[in-house]
Amino acid sequence: MDFVKADDPRIGDMLAREGVVFIDRFFDAEKVAEIRRQLRRYIDDVLPTVPRAHHEYHPDGALRSMTDMHRYDPWFREFGTDPRLLDFFREAVPWDPELFYLEIFPKAPHTGPLLAHQELFATPMDPPQYLHLWVALDDVHDENAGFYFYRRSHRLGLAPHVYTKAGAGLPSVEESVLERLSPYRVQPDFPAGSAALFDGMTVHGSKANVTDRMRMALVIAVRGTATKVSDDQQIFTSIMARFFREEIGVQACDPNDRFFALGGDEAGAERVLKRIENDYHIVITAEDFRAHDTPHTLAMKLIDSKGWETVNS
């Protein structure tokens, strides 16, 4: 697949046909430099105030991702809602887009791959109107976490996903499906400022960064203004159920399962509460936990304590 200009009138047709479009110099060198300056400022000045739920780290302490940056910083809020940017999305799809989130993925030196997946598997919405614009902030090539796509995979609907040790707890498309899709796999080099526009159903992933340098990329995600995504109760109930599963060591946990009835003990409860404190800056006491010891009731306690009106705004 060739790279096209951001104003190419064929982008909408190409996106519908291929599920991904490669865009040459979406941002020029000056804009890339400005974004990088603002990122340094955000990391130094804003990130220390952001709940851990919106930034992740590798086990060695290297920054893994920063999400929902528009929530916490006026510059990134204005950047993500720039009418010119939204007009670009609007020209590419037959629905009205709005900003969903901004993310940064700094691929630290010698970090592993992000296995092939679909965004709509992790974040289902109805109707499935979901686009990512992934922008390289460094030159991206095979050695520094090359980014790959399976063309036309968006036509197949949601693929089976599995959880594997190699996936670091994240779901990835079953290997048998990827083998069948292998003729459609593409992995171009991305000069800094170039971009990939892709459908939320398109299978994609990134390779390991085997170099000694950080590789930076920006994601701007939009969804249709009429879409509905999981509400706060569903999102946080799912997160609390995952905490229960991981800290107790069970394979399944329903929204109304009680922690101690599942086999949890006081030490496990302390680990769950510590994760909530680390990720959301919320302290829930052991007494409160015993009164809210199911994923659903604990999620409601978290939402009430945080005071969020909505997670998806």
C-alpha atoms as a PDB file:
ATOM      1  CA  MET A   1       0.000   0.000   0.000  1.00  0.00           C
ATOM      2  CA  ASP A   2       1.239   3.472  -0.870  1.00  0.00           C
ATOM      3  CA  PHE A   3       1.216   6.561   1.353  1.00  0.00           C
ATOM      4  CA  VAL A   4      -1.223   9.304   0.385  1.00  0.00           C
ATOM      5  CA  LYS A   5      -1.601  12.958   1.308  1.00  0.00           C
ATOM      6  CA  ALA A   6      -4.005  13.958   4.086  1.00  0.00           C
ATOM      7  CA  ASP A   7      -6.208  15.817   1.599  1.00  0.00           C
ATOM      8  CA  ASP A   8      -6.444  12.926  -0.864  1.00  0.00           C
ATOM      9  CA  PRO A   9     -10.145  12.541  -1.752  1.00  0.00           C
ATOM     10  CA  ARG A  10      -9.724   8.753  -2.005  1.00  0.00           C
ATOM     11  CA  ILE A  11      -9.073   8.253   1.722  1.00  0.00           C
ATOM     12  CA  GLY A  12     -12.681   7.406   2.572  1.00  0.00           C
ATOM     13  CA  ASP A  13     -12.932   4.781  -0.175  1.00  0.00           C
ATOM     14  CA  MET A  14      -9.528   3.340   0.729  1.00  0.00           C
ATOM     15  CA  LEU A  15     -10.445   3.117   4.413  1.00  0.00           C
ATOM     16  CA  ALA A  16     -13.713   1.344   3.619  1.00  0.00           C
ATOM     17  CA  ARG A  17     -11.949  -1.102   1.309  1.00  0.00           C
ATOM     18  CA  GLU A  18      -8.675  -1.781   3.147  1.00  0.00           C
ATOM     19  CA  GLY A  19      -9.444  -0.888   6.775  1.00  0.00           C
ATOM     20  CA  VAL A  20      -6.235   1.163   6.980  1.00  0.00           C
ATOM     21  CA  VAL A  21      -4.755   4.118   5.083  1.00  0.00           C
ATOM     22  CA  PHE A  22      -1.140   5.289   5.313  1.00  0.00           C
ATOM     23  CA  ILE A  23      -0.751   9.059   5.261  1.00  0.00           C
ATOM     24  CA  ASP A  24       2.413  10.906   4.287  1.00  0.00           C
ATOM     25  CA  ARG A  25       3.540  13.755   6.583  1.00  0.00           C
ATOM     26  CA  PHE A  26       0.255  14.191   8.391  1.00  0.00           C
ATOM     27  CA  PHE A  27       2.170  16.566  10.671  1.00  0.00           C
ATOM     28  CA  ASP A  28       5.211  18.464   9.442  1.00  0.00           C
ATOM     29  CA  ALA A  29       8.527  18.531  11.326  1.00  0.00           C
ATOM     30  CA  GLU A  30       7.624  21.745  13.159  1.00  0.00           C
ATOM     31  CA  LYS A  31       4.335  20.303  14.452  1.00  0.00           C
ATOM     32  CA  VAL A  32       6.015  17.054  15.501  1.00  0.00           C
ATOM     33  CA  ALA A  33       8.602  19.070  17.443  1.00  0.00           C
ATOM     34  CA  GLU A  34       5.829  21.064  19.134  1.00  0.00           C
ATOM     35  CA  ILE A  35       3.956  17.897  20.136  1.00  0.00           C
ATOM     36  CA  ARG A  36       7.146  16.473  21.599  1.00  0.00           C
ATOM     37  CA  ARG A  37       7.751  19.672  23.599  1.00  0.00           C
ATOM     38  CA  GLN A  38       4.228  19.527  24.986  1.00  0.00           C
ATOM     39  CA  LEU A  39       4.735  15.863  25.866  1.00  0.00           C
ATOM     40  CA  ARG A  40       7.826  16.673  27.894  1.00  0.00           C
ATOM     41  CA  ARG A  41       5.886  19.391  29.707  1.00  0.00           C
ATOM     42  CA  TYR A  42       2.963  17.016  30.326  1.00  0.00           C
ATOM     43  CA  ILE A  43       5.258  14.326  31.742  1.00  0.00           C
ATOM     44  CA  ASP A  44       7.107  16.787  33.987  1.00  0.00           C
ATOM     45  CA  ASP A  45       4.232  18.982  35.172  1.00  0.00           C
ATOM     46  CA  VAL A  46       0.916  17.193  34.663  1.00  0.00           C
ATOM     47  CA  LEU A  47       1.524  13.462  34.881  1.00  0.00           C
ATOM     48  CA  PRO A  48       2.320  13.473  38.631  1.00  0.00           C
ATOM     49  CA  THR A  49      -1.262  14.692  39.248  1.00  0.00           C
ATOM     50  CA  VAL A  50      -2.954  12.157  36.932  1.00  0.00           C
ATOM     51  CA  PRO A  51      -4.553   9.002  38.431  1.00  0.00           C
ATOM     52  CA  ARG A  52      -2.562   5.848  37.749  1.00  0.00           C
ATOM     53  CA  ALA A  53      -5.501   4.463  35.787  1.00  0.00           C
ATOM     54  CA  HIS A  54      -4.450   6.836  33.004  1.00  0.00           C
ATOM     55  CA  HIS A  55      -0.756   6.007  32.833  1.00  0.00           C
ATOM     56  CA  GLU A  56       0.974   2.629  32.885  1.00  0.00           C
ATOM     57  CA  TYR A  57       4.526   1.453  33.492  1.00  0.00           C
ATOM     58  CA  HIS A  58       6.580  -1.563  32.547  1.00  0.00           C
ATOM     59  CA  PRO A  59       7.857  -3.778  35.381  1.00  0.00           C
ATOM     60  CA  ASP A  60      11.223  -2.000  35.207  1.00  0.00           C
ATOM     61  CA  GLY A  61       9.550   1.392  35.748  1.00  0.00           C
ATOM     62  CA  ALA A  62       9.685   2.613  32.139  1.00  0.00           C
ATOM     63  CA  LEU A  63       6.605   4.547  31.033  1.00  0.00           C
ATOM     64  CA  ARG A  64       4.316   2.315  28.957  1.00  0.00           C
ATOM     65  CA  SER A  65       1.413   4.591  28.054  1.00  0.00           C
ATOM     66  CA  MET A  66      -0.467   7.784  28.896  1.00  0.00           C
ATOM     67  CA  THR A  67      -4.199   7.895  28.176  1.00  0.00           C
ATOM     68  CA  ASP A  68      -7.021  10.444  28.205  1.00  0.00           C
ATOM     69  CA  MET A  69      -4.520  13.300  28.132  1.00  0.00           C
ATOM     70  CA  HIS A  70      -7.207  15.716  26.943  1.00  0.00           C
ATOM     71  CA  ARG A  71      -8.916  15.319  30.337  1.00  0.00           C
ATOM     72  CA  TYR A  72      -5.982  16.709  32.246  1.00  0.00           C
ATOM     73  CA  ASP A  73      -4.337  19.321  30.043  1.00  0.00           C
ATOM     74  CA  PRO A  74      -5.781  22.282  28.070  1.00  0.00           C
ATOM     75  CA  TRP A  75      -3.179  22.078  25.299  1.00  0.00           C
ATOM     76  CA  PHE A  76      -3.998  18.480  24.474  1.00  0.00           C
ATOM     77  CA  ARG A  77      -7.730  19.165  24.827  1.00  0.00           C
ATOM     78  CA  GLU A  78      -7.501  21.928  22.228  1.00  0.00           C
ATOM     79  CA  PHE A  79      -5.245  19.803  20.047  1.00  0.00           C
ATOM     80  CA  GLY A  80      -7.641  16.832  20.055  1.00  0.00           C
ATOM     81  CA  THR A  81     -10.725  18.928  19.334  1.00  0.00           C
ATOM     82  CA  ASP A  82      -9.181  21.077  16.585  1.00  0.00           C
ATOM     83  CA  PRO A  83     -11.937  21.530  13.964  1.00  0.00           C
ATOM     84  CA  ARG A  84      -9.426  20.852  11.177  1.00  0.00           C
ATOM     85  CA  LEU A  85      -8.590  17.499  12.712  1.00  0.00           C
ATOM     86  CA  LEU A  86     -12.235  16.556  13.127  1.00  0.00           C
ATOM     87  CA  ASP A  87     -12.888  17.643   9.535  1.00  0.00           C
ATOM     88  CA  PHE A  88     -10.219  15.189   8.409  1.00  0.00           C
ATOM     89  CA  PHE A  89     -12.034  12.346  10.154  1.00  0.00           C
ATOM     90  CA  ARG A  90     -15.383  13.596   8.896  1.00  0.00           C
ATOM     91  CA  GLU A  91     -14.201  13.364   5.285  1.00  0.00           C
ATOM     92  CA  ALA A  92     -13.136   9.739   5.819  1.00  0.00           C
ATOM     93  CA  VAL A  93     -16.349   8.240   7.232  1.00  0.00           C
ATOM     94  CA  PRO A  94     -20.110   8.525   6.684  1.00  0.00           C
ATOM     95  CA  TRP A  95     -20.772   9.393  10.342  1.00  0.00           C
ATOM     96  CA  ASP A  96     -20.154  12.406  12.572  1.00  0.00           C
ATOM     97  CA  PRO A  97     -16.967  11.937  14.665  1.00  0.00           C
ATOM     98  CA  GLU A  98     -16.060  13.280  18.087  1.00  0.00           C
ATOM     99  CA  LEU A  99     -12.892  12.931  20.135  1.00  0.00           C
ATOM    100  CA  PHE A 100     -12.837   9.737  22.190  1.00  0.00           C
ATOM    101  CA  TYR A 101      -9.337   9.883  23.677  1.00  0.00           C
ATOM    102  CA  LEU A 102      -5.685  10.814  23.189  1.00  0.00           C
ATOM    103  CA  GLU A 103      -2.952   8.303  23.995  1.00  0.00           C
ATOM    104  CA  ILE A 104       0.812   8.246  23.858  1.00  0.00           C
ATOM    105  CA  PHE A 105       2.758   5.004  23.500  1.00  0.00           C
ATOM    106  CA  PRO A 106       6.451   5.474  24.286  1.00  0.00           C
ATOM    107  CA  LYS A 107       7.994   2.153  23.279  1.00  0.00           C
ATOM    108  CA  ALA A 108      10.915   1.956  25.678  1.00  0.00           C
ATOM    109  CA  PRO A 109      14.191   0.386  24.575  1.00  0.00           C
ATOM    110  CA  HIS A 110      14.178  -3.422  24.627  1.00  0.00           C
ATOM    111  CA  THR A 111      10.465  -3.750  25.367  1.00  0.00           C
ATOM    112  CA  GLY A 112       8.397  -6.554  23.930  1.00  0.00           C
ATOM    113  CA  PRO A 113       5.746  -6.546  21.213  1.00  0.00           C
ATOM    114  CA  LEU A 114       2.091  -5.582  21.362  1.00  0.00           C
ATOM    115  CA  LEU A 115       0.379  -8.625  19.907  1.00  0.00           C
ATOM    116  CA  ALA A 116      -2.199  -8.391  17.121  1.00  0.00           C
ATOM    117  CA  HIS A 117      -5.628  -7.241  18.321  1.00  0.00           C
ATOM    118  CA  GLN A 118      -8.736  -5.225  17.417  1.00  0.00           C
ATOM    119  CA  GLU A 119      -9.651  -2.058  19.296  1.00  0.00           C
ATOM    120  CA  LEU A 120     -13.346  -2.886  19.204  1.00  0.00           C
ATOM    121  CA  PHE A 121     -12.709  -6.117  21.102  1.00  0.00           C
ATOM    122  CA  ALA A 122     -11.315  -4.173  24.066  1.00  0.00           C
ATOM    123  CA  THR A 123     -13.746  -1.249  23.729  1.00  0.00           C
ATOM    124  CA  PRO A 124     -17.034  -2.416  22.214  1.00  0.00           C
ATOM    125  CA  MET A 125     -19.473   0.221  21.077  1.00  0.00           C
ATOM    126  CA  ASP A 126     -22.762   0.342  19.239  1.00  0.00           C
ATOM    127  CA  PRO A 127     -22.807   1.137  16.392  1.00  0.00           C
ATOM    128  CA  PRO A 128     -19.134   0.218  15.752  1.00  0.00           C
ATOM    129  CA  GLN A 129     -18.052   3.706  14.637  1.00  0.00           C
ATOM    130  CA  TYR A 130     -14.480   3.841  15.904  1.00  0.00           C
ATOM    131  CA  LEU A 131     -11.298   5.171  14.247  1.00  0.00           C
ATOM    132  CA  HIS A 132      -7.683   5.482  15.307  1.00  0.00           C
ATOM    133  CA  LEU A 133      -5.195   7.904  13.842  1.00  0.00           C
ATOM    134  CA  TRP A 134      -1.755   6.629  14.852  1.00  0.00           C
ATOM    135  CA  VAL A 135       0.984   9.225  14.272  1.00  0.00           C
ATOM    136  CA  ALA A 136       4.704   8.439  14.376  1.00  0.00           C
ATOM    137  CA  LEU A 137       6.651  10.982  16.446  1.00  0.00           C
ATOM    138  CA  ASP A 138       9.920   9.224  15.576  1.00  0.00           C
ATOM    139  CA  ASP A 139      10.963   7.391  12.445  1.00  0.00           C
ATOM    140  CA  VAL A 140       9.421   3.936  12.928  1.00  0.00           C
ATOM    141  CA  HIS A 141      10.955   0.837  11.356  1.00  0.00           C
ATOM    142  CA  ASP A 142      11.163  -2.882  11.972  1.00  0.00           C
ATOM    143  CA  GLU A 143      13.745  -2.725  14.756  1.00  0.00           C
ATOM    144  CA  ASN A 144      12.105  -0.042  16.941  1.00  0.00           C
ATOM    145  CA  ALA A 145       8.648  -1.612  17.306  1.00  0.00           C
ATOM    146  CA  GLY A 146       7.495  -1.638  13.704  1.00  0.00           C
ATOM    147  CA  PHE A 147       3.723  -1.221  13.354  1.00  0.00           C
ATOM    148  CA  TYR A 148       1.812  -3.739  11.239  1.00  0.00           C
ATOM    149  CA  PHE A 149      -1.729  -4.213   9.977  1.00  0.00           C
ATOM    150  CA  TYR A 150      -3.851  -6.920   8.408  1.00  0.00           C
ATOM    151  CA  ARG A 151      -5.577  -5.244   5.473  1.00  0.00           C
ATOM    152  CA  ARG A 152      -9.297  -5.937   5.007  1.00  0.00           C
ATOM    153  CA  SER A 153      -9.555  -7.693   8.381  1.00  0.00           C
ATOM    154  CA  HIS A 154     -12.170  -5.098   9.395  1.00  0.00           C
ATOM    155  CA  ARG A 155     -14.640  -6.865   7.090  1.00  0.00           C
ATOM    156  CA  LEU A 156     -14.570 -10.045   9.150  1.00  0.00           C
ATOM    157  CA  GLY A 157     -16.140  -8.757  12.359  1.00  0.00           C
ATOM    158  CA  LEU A 158     -14.643  -9.492  15.772  1.00  0.00           C
ATOM    159  CA  ALA A 159     -12.009 -12.216  15.679  1.00  0.00           C
ATOM    160  CA  PRO A 160     -11.501 -14.723  18.519  1.00  0.00           C
ATOM    161  CA  HIS A 161      -9.092 -13.258  21.089  1.00  0.00           C
ATOM    162  CA  VAL A 162      -7.102 -15.160  23.697  1.00  0.00           C
ATOM    163  CA  TYR A 163      -5.037 -14.218  26.752  1.00  0.00           C
ATOM    164  CA  THR A 164      -1.463 -15.486  26.629  1.00  0.00           C
ATOM    165  CA  LYS A 165       1.668 -14.996  28.705  1.00  0.00           C
ATOM    166  CA  ALA A 166       3.324 -13.315  25.725  1.00  0.00           C
ATOM    167  CA  GLY A 167       0.447 -10.837  25.590  1.00  0.00           C
ATOM    168  CA  ALA A 168       1.255  -9.497  29.082  1.00  0.00           C
ATOM    169  CA  GLY A 169      -2.357  -9.850  30.182  1.00  0.00           C
ATOM    170  CA  LEU A 170      -3.823  -8.204  27.071  1.00  0.00           C
ATOM    171  CA  PRO A 171      -6.076 -10.055  24.613  1.00  0.00           C
ATOM    172  CA  SER A 172      -4.692 -10.950  21.192  1.00  0.00           C
ATOM    173  CA  VAL A 173      -6.150 -12.528  18.061  1.00  0.00           C
ATOM    174  CA  GLU A 174      -5.844 -16.300  17.882  1.00  0.00           C
ATOM    175  CA  GLU A 175      -2.772 -17.420  15.960  1.00  0.00           C
ATOM    176  CA  SER A 176      -4.827 -19.604  13.598  1.00  0.00           C
ATOM    177  CA  VAL A 177      -6.764 -16.515  12.454  1.00  0.00           C
ATOM    178  CA  LEU A 178      -3.539 -14.578  11.864  1.00  0.00           C
ATOM    179  CA  GLU A 179      -2.169 -17.416   9.776  1.00  0.00           C
ATOM    180  CA  ARG A 180      -5.191 -17.220   7.482  1.00  0.00           C
ATOM    181  CA  LEU A 181      -4.801 -13.437   7.272  1.00  0.00           C
ATOM    182  CA  SER A 182      -1.051 -13.525   6.642  1.00  0.00           C
ATOM    183  CA  PRO A 183      -1.304 -12.629   2.906  1.00  0.00           C
ATOM    184  CA  TYR A 184      -2.835  -9.308   3.952  1.00  0.00           C
ATOM    185  CA  ARG A 185      -0.175  -8.330   6.510  1.00  0.00           C
ATOM    186  CA  VAL A 186       1.591  -5.027   5.801  1.00  0.00           C
ATOM    187  CA  GLN A 187       4.296  -3.243   7.785  1.00  0.00           C
ATOM    188  CA  PRO A 188       5.598  -0.036   6.210  1.00  0.00           C
ATOM    189  CA  ASP A 189       8.306   2.191   7.617  1.00  0.00           C
ATOM    190  CA  PHE A 190       6.803   5.390   9.032  1.00  0.00           C
ATOM    191  CA  PRO A 191       8.841   8.610   8.855  1.00  0.00           C
ATOM    192  CA  ALA A 192       8.180  10.929  11.805  1.00  0.00           C
ATOM    193  CA  GLY A 193       4.952  12.847  11.190  1.00  0.00           C
ATOM    194  CA  SER A 194       3.406  10.196   8.959  1.00  0.00           C
ATOM    195  CA  ALA A 195       0.344   8.328  10.125  1.00  0.00           C
ATOM    196  CA  ALA A 196      -1.963   5.346   9.827  1.00  0.00           C
ATOM    197  CA  LEU A 197      -5.729   5.859   9.858  1.00  0.00           C
ATOM    198  CA  PHE A 198      -7.490   2.599  10.672  1.00  0.00           C
ATOM    199  CA  ASP A 199     -10.858   1.133  11.549  1.00  0.00           C
ATOM    200  CA  GLY A 200     -11.583  -0.102  15.080  1.00  0.00           C
ATOM    201  CA  MET A 201     -12.121  -3.584  13.644  1.00  0.00           C
ATOM    202  CA  THR A 202      -8.767  -3.722  11.797  1.00  0.00           C
ATOM    203  CA  VAL A 203      -6.315  -6.242  13.256  1.00  0.00           C
ATOM    204  CA  HIS A 204      -2.978  -4.598  14.092  1.00  0.00           C
ATOM    205  CA  GLY A 205      -0.008  -4.779  16.434  1.00  0.00           C
ATOM    206  CA  SER A 206       3.582  -3.710  16.957  1.00  0.00           C
ATOM    207  CA  LYS A 207       6.872  -5.564  17.168  1.00  0.00           C
ATOM    208  CA  ALA A 208       9.452  -5.402  19.943  1.00  0.00           C
ATOM    209  CA  ASN A 209      11.747  -2.415  20.236  1.00  0.00           C
ATOM    210  CA  VAL A 210      15.178  -4.028  20.048  1.00  0.00           C
ATOM    211  CA  THR A 211      17.036  -0.707  19.867  1.00  0.00           C
ATOM    212  CA  ASP A 212      18.571   1.408  22.626  1.00  0.00           C
ATOM    213  CA  ARG A 213      16.269   4.377  21.949  1.00  0.00           C
ATOM    214  CA  MET A 214      12.697   5.256  22.903  1.00  0.00           C
ATOM    215  CA  ARG A 215      10.170   5.199  20.053  1.00  0.00           C
ATOM    216  CA  MET A 216       7.242   7.622  20.425  1.00  0.00           C
ATOM    217  CA  ALA A 217       3.808   7.579  18.782  1.00  0.00           C
ATOM    218  CA  LEU A 218       0.535   9.431  19.332  1.00  0.00           C
ATOM    219  CA  VAL A 219      -2.972   8.001  19.004  1.00  0.00           C
ATOM    220  CA  ILE A 220      -6.028  10.167  18.353  1.00  0.00           C
ATOM    221  CA  ALA A 221      -9.207   8.101  18.656  1.00  0.00           C
ATOM    222  CA  VAL A 222     -12.662   9.230  17.560  1.00  0.00           C
ATOM    223  CA  ARG A 223     -16.084   7.626  17.730  1.00  0.00           C
ATOM    224  CA  GLY A 224     -19.455   8.469  16.264  1.00  0.00           C
ATOM    225  CA  THR A 225     -21.445  11.046  18.180  1.00  0.00           C
ATOM    226  CA  ALA A 226     -24.376   8.613  18.329  1.00  0.00           C
ATOM    227  CA  THR A 227     -22.376   5.660  19.650  1.00  0.00           C
ATOM    228  CA  LYS A 228     -22.931   4.090  23.023  1.00  0.00           C
ATOM    229  CA  VAL A 229     -20.043   2.551  24.926  1.00  0.00           C
ATOM    230  CA  SER A 230     -19.998   0.625  28.166  1.00  0.00           C
ATOM    231  CA  ASP A 231     -21.093   2.835  31.044  1.00  0.00           C
ATOM    232  CA  ASP A 232     -19.085   3.429  34.209  1.00  0.00           C
ATOM    233  CA  GLN A 233     -20.694   0.574  36.114  1.00  0.00           C
ATOM    234  CA  GLN A 234     -19.816  -1.941  33.414  1.00  0.00           C
ATOM    235  CA  ILE A 235     -16.285  -0.638  32.951  1.00  0.00           C
ATOM    236  CA  PHE A 236     -15.337  -0.561  36.608  1.00  0.00           C
ATOM    237  CA  THR A 237     -17.177  -3.772  37.472  1.00  0.00           C
ATOM    238  CA  SER A 238     -15.095  -5.474  34.794  1.00  0.00           C
ATOM    239  CA  ILE A 239     -11.895  -3.959  36.203  1.00  0.00           C
ATOM    240  CA  MET A 240     -12.747  -5.003  39.760  1.00  0.00           C
ATOM    241  CA  ALA A 241     -13.572  -8.537  38.559  1.00  0.00           C
ATOM    242  CA  ARG A 242     -10.124  -8.675  36.908  1.00  0.00           C
ATOM    243  CA  PHE A 243      -8.485  -7.528  40.156  1.00  0.00           C
ATOM    244  CA  PHE A 244     -10.354 -10.287  42.025  1.00  0.00           C
ATOM    245  CA  ARG A 245      -9.330 -12.950  39.486  1.00  0.00           C
ATOM    246  CA  GLU A 246      -5.684 -11.925  39.500  1.00  0.00           C
ATOM    247  CA  GLU A 247      -5.313 -11.548  43.269  1.00  0.00           C
ATOM    248  CA  ILE A 248      -7.242 -14.700  44.192  1.00  0.00           C
ATOM    249  CA  GLY A 249      -5.987 -16.767  41.262  1.00  0.00           C
ATOM    250  CA  VAL A 250      -9.355 -17.888  39.880  1.00  0.00           C
ATOM    251  CA  GLN A 251     -10.345 -18.201  36.230  1.00  0.00           C
ATOM    252  CA  ALA A 252     -13.818 -16.664  36.497  1.00  0.00           C
ATOM    253  CA  CYS A 253     -15.509 -13.990  38.576  1.00  0.00           C
ATOM    254  CA  ASP A 254     -19.055 -12.742  38.050  1.00  0.00           C
ATOM    255  CA  PRO A 255     -20.172  -9.189  38.954  1.00  0.00           C
ATOM    256  CA  ASN A 256     -21.969 -10.389  42.091  1.00  0.00           C
ATOM    257  CA  ASP A 257     -19.404 -12.939  43.310  1.00  0.00           C
ATOM    258  CA  ARG A 258     -18.206 -12.241  46.849  1.00  0.00           C
ATOM    259  CA  PHE A 259     -14.454 -11.926  47.272  1.00  0.00           C
ATOM    260  CA  PHE A 260     -14.071 -14.150  50.306  1.00  0.00           C
ATOM    261  CA  ALA A 261     -16.543 -16.735  48.991  1.00  0.00           C
ATOM    262  CA  LEU A 262     -14.306 -17.078  45.931  1.00  0.00           C
ATOM    263  CA  GLY A 263     -11.412 -18.035  48.170  1.00  0.00           C
ATOM    264  CA  GLY A 264      -9.946 -14.616  48.855  1.00  0.00           C
ATOM    265  CA  ASP A 265      -8.229 -13.851  52.148  1.00  0.00           C
ATOM    266  CA  GLU A 266      -7.214 -10.715  54.040  1.00  0.00           C
ATOM    267  CA  ALA A 267      -3.858 -10.512  52.280  1.00  0.00           C
ATOM    268  CA  GLY A 268      -5.580 -10.732  48.888  1.00  0.00           C
ATOM    269  CA  ALA A 269      -8.041  -8.030  49.905  1.00  0.00           C
ATOM    270  CA  GLU A 270      -5.134  -5.774  50.864  1.00  0.00           C
ATOM    271  CA  ARG A 271      -3.599  -6.317  47.422  1.00  0.00           C
ATOM    272  CA  VAL A 272      -6.878  -5.384  45.697  1.00  0.00           C
ATOM    273  CA  LEU A 273      -7.195  -2.223  47.786  1.00  0.00           C
ATOM    274  CA  LYS A 274      -3.568  -1.307  47.077  1.00  0.00           C
ATOM    275  CA  ARG A 275      -4.191  -1.605  43.332  1.00  0.00           C
ATOM    276  CA  ILE A 276      -7.233   0.659  43.623  1.00  0.00           C
ATOM    277  CA  GLU A 277      -5.176   3.195  45.564  1.00  0.00           C
ATOM    278  CA  ASN A 278      -2.296   3.069  43.064  1.00  0.00           C
ATOM    279  CA  ASP A 279      -4.482   3.245  39.944  1.00  0.00           C
ATOM    280  CA  TYR A 280      -7.228   5.649  41.044  1.00  0.00           C
ATOM    281  CA  HIS A 281      -5.830   7.580  44.022  1.00  0.00           C
ATOM    282  CA  ILE A 282      -8.749   6.319  46.105  1.00  0.00           C
ATOM    283  CA  VAL A 283      -8.309   4.830  49.583  1.00  0.00           C
ATOM    284  CA  ILE A 284     -10.963   2.252  50.463  1.00  0.00           C
ATOM    285  CA  THR A 285     -10.746   0.814  53.967  1.00  0.00           C
ATOM    286  CA  ALA A 286     -10.828  -2.882  54.798  1.00  0.00           C
ATOM    287  CA  GLU A 287     -14.156  -2.261  56.550  1.00  0.00           C
ATOM    288  CA  ASP A 288     -15.604  -0.656  53.427  1.00  0.00           C
ATOM    289  CA  PHE A 289     -14.278  -3.537  51.350  1.00  0.00           C
ATOM    290  CA  ARG A 290     -16.125  -6.067  53.483  1.00  0.00           C
ATOM    291  CA  ALA A 291     -19.325  -4.076  52.902  1.00  0.00           C
ATOM    292  CA  HIS A 292     -18.624  -3.833  49.141  1.00  0.00           C
ATOM    293  CA  ASP A 293     -16.937  -7.161  48.422  1.00  0.00           C
ATOM    294  CA  THR A 294     -18.358  -7.936  44.969  1.00  0.00           C
ATOM    295  CA  PRO A 295     -17.006  -6.458  41.713  1.00  0.00           C
ATOM    296  CA  HIS A 296     -20.269  -4.561  41.181  1.00  0.00           C
ATOM    297  CA  THR A 297     -20.616  -3.038  44.661  1.00  0.00           C
ATOM    298  CA  LEU A 298     -16.902  -2.220  44.830  1.00  0.00           C
ATOM    299  CA  ALA A 299     -17.137  -0.522  41.432  1.00  0.00           C
ATOM    300  CA  MET A 300     -20.062   1.585  42.654  1.00  0.00           C
ATOM    301  CA  LYS A 301     -18.042   2.549  45.745  1.00  0.00           C
ATOM    302  CA  LEU A 302     -15.129   3.573  43.527  1.00  0.00           C
ATOM    303  CA  ILE A 303     -17.328   5.669  41.222  1.00  0.00           C
ATOM    304  CA  ASP A 304     -18.990   7.359  44.188  1.00  0.00           C
ATOM    305  CA  SER A 305     -15.632   8.095  45.828  1.00  0.00           C
ATOM    306  CA  LYS A 306     -14.102   9.455  42.630  1.00  0.00           C
ATOM    307  CA  GLY A 307     -17.068  11.645  41.794  1.00  0.00           C
ATOM    308  CA  TRP A 308     -16.889  10.982  38.048  1.00  0.00           C
ATOM    309  CA  GLU A 309     -19.991  11.826  36.081  1.00  0.00           C
ATOM    310  CA  THR A 310     -18.845   9.638  33.230  1.00  0.00           C
ATOM    311  CA  VAL A 311     -15.702   7.807  32.243  1.00  0.00           C
ATOM    312  CA  ASN A 312     -16.327   8.212  28.534  1.00  0.00           C
ATOM    313  CA  SER A 313     -16.704  11.946  28.228  1.00  0.00           C
END
